[in-house]
Amino acid sequence: MSQIASPFSGLSGSSRPVPLGRVARLTRRLQDAWKRHRTERALEGMPFDLRKDIGWPATDIDADKTPNLS
C-alpha cells in the first residue's frame, strides 16, 4: 500500500509531519519582519526634523562616501 504525502511533510522527503508550532513560529517571525519593515518605511518618509525629535537615527548616504583620514 502506498503512502500519500502530507502537505506538512519535511523538506527531506520524510513522512514525518513538521510540528505546527514551527510553522506558527515561522509565520509569526515573517509577520513581525513585515510590520518592522512597514514601520521603518513610514518613519523614513517623515521629515528629517520630526525624525530627529523622536530620536530616529539619521540615514546619511554621504557619510559612507567620506574618506577615512585616520
N, C-alpha and C. Protein backbone atom coordinates (compact mmCIF):
# COMPACT_ATOMS: atom_id res chain seq x y z
N MET A 1 0.84 -1.17 0.00
CA MET A 1 0.00 0.00 0.00
C MET A 1 0.89 1.24 0.00
N SER A 2 0.65 2.17 -0.88
CA SER A 2 1.48 3.37 -0.97
C SER A 2 1.00 4.44 0.00
N GLN A 3 1.97 5.25 0.46
CA GLN A 3 1.63 6.33 1.38
C GLN A 3 1.34 7.60 0.59
N ILE A 4 0.41 8.37 1.09
CA ILE A 4 0.08 9.65 0.49
C ILE A 4 0.93 10.70 1.19
N ALA A 5 1.62 11.52 0.42
CA ALA A 5 2.48 12.55 1.01
C ALA A 5 1.63 13.63 1.65
N SER A 6 1.99 13.97 2.86
CA SER A 6 1.28 15.00 3.60
C SER A 6 1.80 16.37 3.17
N PRO A 7 0.94 17.40 3.11
CA PRO A 7 1.44 18.74 2.80
C PRO A 7 2.33 19.28 3.90
N PHE A 8 2.33 18.64 5.07
CA PHE A 8 3.16 19.08 6.18
C PHE A 8 4.44 18.26 6.29
N SER A 9 4.77 17.50 5.26
CA SER A 9 5.99 16.71 5.27
C SER A 9 7.20 17.63 5.27
N GLY A 10 8.28 17.16 5.87
CA GLY A 10 9.51 17.95 5.90
C GLY A 10 10.13 18.02 4.52
N LEU A 11 11.10 18.86 4.35
CA LEU A 11 11.76 19.04 3.06
C LEU A 11 12.62 17.85 2.68
N SER A 12 13.00 17.06 3.67
CA SER A 12 13.88 15.93 3.39
C SER A 12 13.14 14.76 2.74
N GLY A 13 11.83 14.87 2.61
CA GLY A 13 11.06 13.81 1.98
C GLY A 13 10.58 12.77 2.97
N SER A 14 10.85 12.98 4.24
CA SER A 14 10.38 12.01 5.23
C SER A 14 8.87 12.14 5.37
N SER A 15 8.26 11.08 5.86
CA SER A 15 6.82 11.10 6.03
C SER A 15 6.42 11.64 7.39
N ARG A 16 7.39 12.08 8.19
CA ARG A 16 7.10 12.67 9.49
C ARG A 16 6.62 14.10 9.31
N PRO A 17 5.48 14.44 9.88
CA PRO A 17 4.97 15.81 9.70
C PRO A 17 5.78 16.82 10.52
N VAL A 18 5.86 18.04 9.99
CA VAL A 18 6.52 19.13 10.70
C VAL A 18 5.55 19.61 11.77
N PRO A 19 6.02 19.76 13.00
CA PRO A 19 5.12 20.25 14.05
C PRO A 19 4.55 21.62 13.70
N LEU A 20 3.28 21.80 13.98
CA LEU A 20 2.63 23.06 13.64
C LEU A 20 3.20 24.22 14.43
N GLY A 21 3.83 23.96 15.56
CA GLY A 21 4.47 25.03 16.33
C GLY A 21 5.57 25.71 15.53
N ARG A 22 6.32 24.93 14.77
CA ARG A 22 7.38 25.50 13.92
C ARG A 22 6.78 26.40 12.85
N VAL A 23 5.71 25.95 12.25
CA VAL A 23 5.05 26.73 11.20
C VAL A 23 4.50 28.02 11.80
N ALA A 24 3.91 27.92 12.99
CA ALA A 24 3.36 29.11 13.66
C ALA A 24 4.47 30.10 14.00
N ARG A 25 5.61 29.60 14.50
CA ARG A 25 6.73 30.50 14.83
C ARG A 25 7.27 31.17 13.58
N LEU A 26 7.42 30.42 12.51
CA LEU A 26 7.91 31.00 11.26
C LEU A 26 6.94 32.06 10.74
N THR A 27 5.66 31.75 10.79
CA THR A 27 4.65 32.71 10.35
C THR A 27 4.71 33.97 11.19
N ARG A 28 4.86 33.82 12.49
CA ARG A 28 4.93 34.99 13.38
C ARG A 28 6.19 35.82 13.08
N ARG A 29 7.32 35.16 12.85
CA ARG A 29 8.55 35.89 12.53
C ARG A 29 8.40 36.67 11.23
N LEU A 30 7.76 36.06 10.24
CA LEU A 30 7.54 36.76 8.97
C LEU A 30 6.62 37.96 9.15
N GLN A 31 5.57 37.79 9.96
CA GLN A 31 4.66 38.91 10.23
C GLN A 31 5.38 40.04 10.94
N ASP A 32 6.20 39.70 11.94
CA ASP A 32 6.94 40.72 12.68
C ASP A 32 7.92 41.46 11.77
N ALA A 33 8.61 40.73 10.91
CA ALA A 33 9.56 41.36 9.99
C ALA A 33 8.84 42.31 9.03
N TRP A 34 7.67 41.89 8.55
CA TRP A 34 6.90 42.73 7.62
C TRP A 34 6.42 43.99 8.32
N LYS A 35 5.94 43.87 9.56
CA LYS A 35 5.49 45.05 10.32
C LYS A 35 6.66 45.99 10.59
N ARG A 36 7.82 45.44 10.94
CA ARG A 36 9.00 46.25 11.21
C ARG A 36 9.43 46.99 9.94
N HIS A 37 9.38 46.32 8.80
CA HIS A 37 9.73 46.94 7.51
C HIS A 37 8.77 48.09 7.20
N ARG A 38 7.48 47.87 7.38
CA ARG A 38 6.49 48.92 7.11
C ARG A 38 6.69 50.11 8.04
N THR A 39 6.98 49.85 9.31
CA THR A 39 7.21 50.92 10.28
C THR A 39 8.43 51.74 9.91
N GLU A 40 9.51 51.05 9.53
CA GLU A 40 10.73 51.76 9.12
C GLU A 40 10.47 52.63 7.90
N ARG A 41 9.72 52.11 6.95
CA ARG A 41 9.41 52.91 5.75
C ARG A 41 8.58 54.13 6.10
N ALA A 42 7.64 53.97 7.03
CA ALA A 42 6.82 55.11 7.45
C ALA A 42 7.68 56.16 8.15
N LEU A 43 8.60 55.71 9.01
CA LEU A 43 9.47 56.65 9.71
C LEU A 43 10.42 57.35 8.74
N GLU A 44 10.94 56.62 7.77
CA GLU A 44 11.83 57.23 6.79
C GLU A 44 11.11 58.25 5.91
N GLY A 45 9.79 58.13 5.80
CA GLY A 45 9.01 59.07 5.00
C GLY A 45 8.71 60.37 5.72
N MET A 46 8.99 60.42 7.03
CA MET A 46 8.73 61.63 7.81
C MET A 46 9.82 62.67 7.53
N PRO A 47 9.50 63.93 7.76
CA PRO A 47 10.53 64.97 7.61
C PRO A 47 11.69 64.74 8.58
N PHE A 48 12.89 65.18 8.17
CA PHE A 48 14.09 64.96 8.97
C PHE A 48 13.96 65.51 10.38
N ASP A 49 13.43 66.73 10.51
CA ASP A 49 13.33 67.34 11.84
C ASP A 49 12.43 66.54 12.77
N LEU A 50 11.36 65.99 12.26
CA LEU A 50 10.47 65.18 13.08
C LEU A 50 11.15 63.88 13.50
N ARG A 51 11.87 63.26 12.57
CA ARG A 51 12.61 62.03 12.93
C ARG A 51 13.66 62.33 13.99
N LYS A 52 14.33 63.48 13.86
CA LYS A 52 15.34 63.87 14.84
C LYS A 52 14.70 64.08 16.20
N ASP A 53 13.51 64.70 16.24
CA ASP A 53 12.82 64.96 17.51
C ASP A 53 12.43 63.67 18.23
N ILE A 54 12.08 62.63 17.49
CA ILE A 54 11.68 61.38 18.15
C ILE A 54 12.86 60.45 18.38
N GLY A 55 14.05 60.84 17.92
CA GLY A 55 15.24 60.06 18.19
C GLY A 55 15.55 58.99 17.17
N TRP A 56 14.95 59.06 16.01
CA TRP A 56 15.22 58.08 14.95
C TRP A 56 16.58 58.40 14.35
N PRO A 57 17.47 57.42 14.19
CA PRO A 57 18.81 57.70 13.65
C PRO A 57 18.75 58.21 12.21
N ALA A 58 19.65 59.13 11.92
CA ALA A 58 19.70 59.71 10.58
C ALA A 58 20.25 58.70 9.59
N THR A 59 19.74 58.74 8.39
CA THR A 59 20.26 57.89 7.32
C THR A 59 20.98 58.80 6.34
N ASP A 60 22.26 58.92 6.53
CA ASP A 60 23.07 59.81 5.71
C ASP A 60 23.86 58.97 4.72
N ILE A 61 23.45 58.99 3.48
CA ILE A 61 24.10 58.19 2.44
C ILE A 61 25.51 58.72 2.18
N ASP A 62 25.70 60.05 2.27
CA ASP A 62 27.00 60.64 2.00
C ASP A 62 28.03 60.28 3.07
N ALA A 63 27.60 59.87 4.24
CA ALA A 63 28.55 59.51 5.32
C ALA A 63 29.40 58.32 4.91
N ASP A 64 28.85 57.43 4.11
CA ASP A 64 29.61 56.26 3.66
C ASP A 64 30.66 56.63 2.61
N LYS A 65 30.49 57.76 1.95
CA LYS A 65 31.39 58.15 0.86
C LYS A 65 32.57 58.98 1.33
N THR A 66 32.52 59.50 2.57
CA THR A 66 33.60 60.35 3.04
C THR A 66 34.85 59.51 3.30
N PRO A 67 36.01 60.02 2.93
CA PRO A 67 37.24 59.27 3.14
C PRO A 67 37.60 59.20 4.61
N ASN A 68 38.18 58.10 5.03
CA ASN A 68 38.61 57.91 6.39
C ASN A 68 40.04 58.45 6.51
N LEU A 69 40.22 59.53 7.29
CA LEU A 69 41.51 60.19 7.37
C LEU A 69 42.38 59.66 8.48
N SER A 70 41.89 58.75 9.28
CA SER A 70 42.71 58.23 10.39
C SER A 70 43.56 57.06 10.00
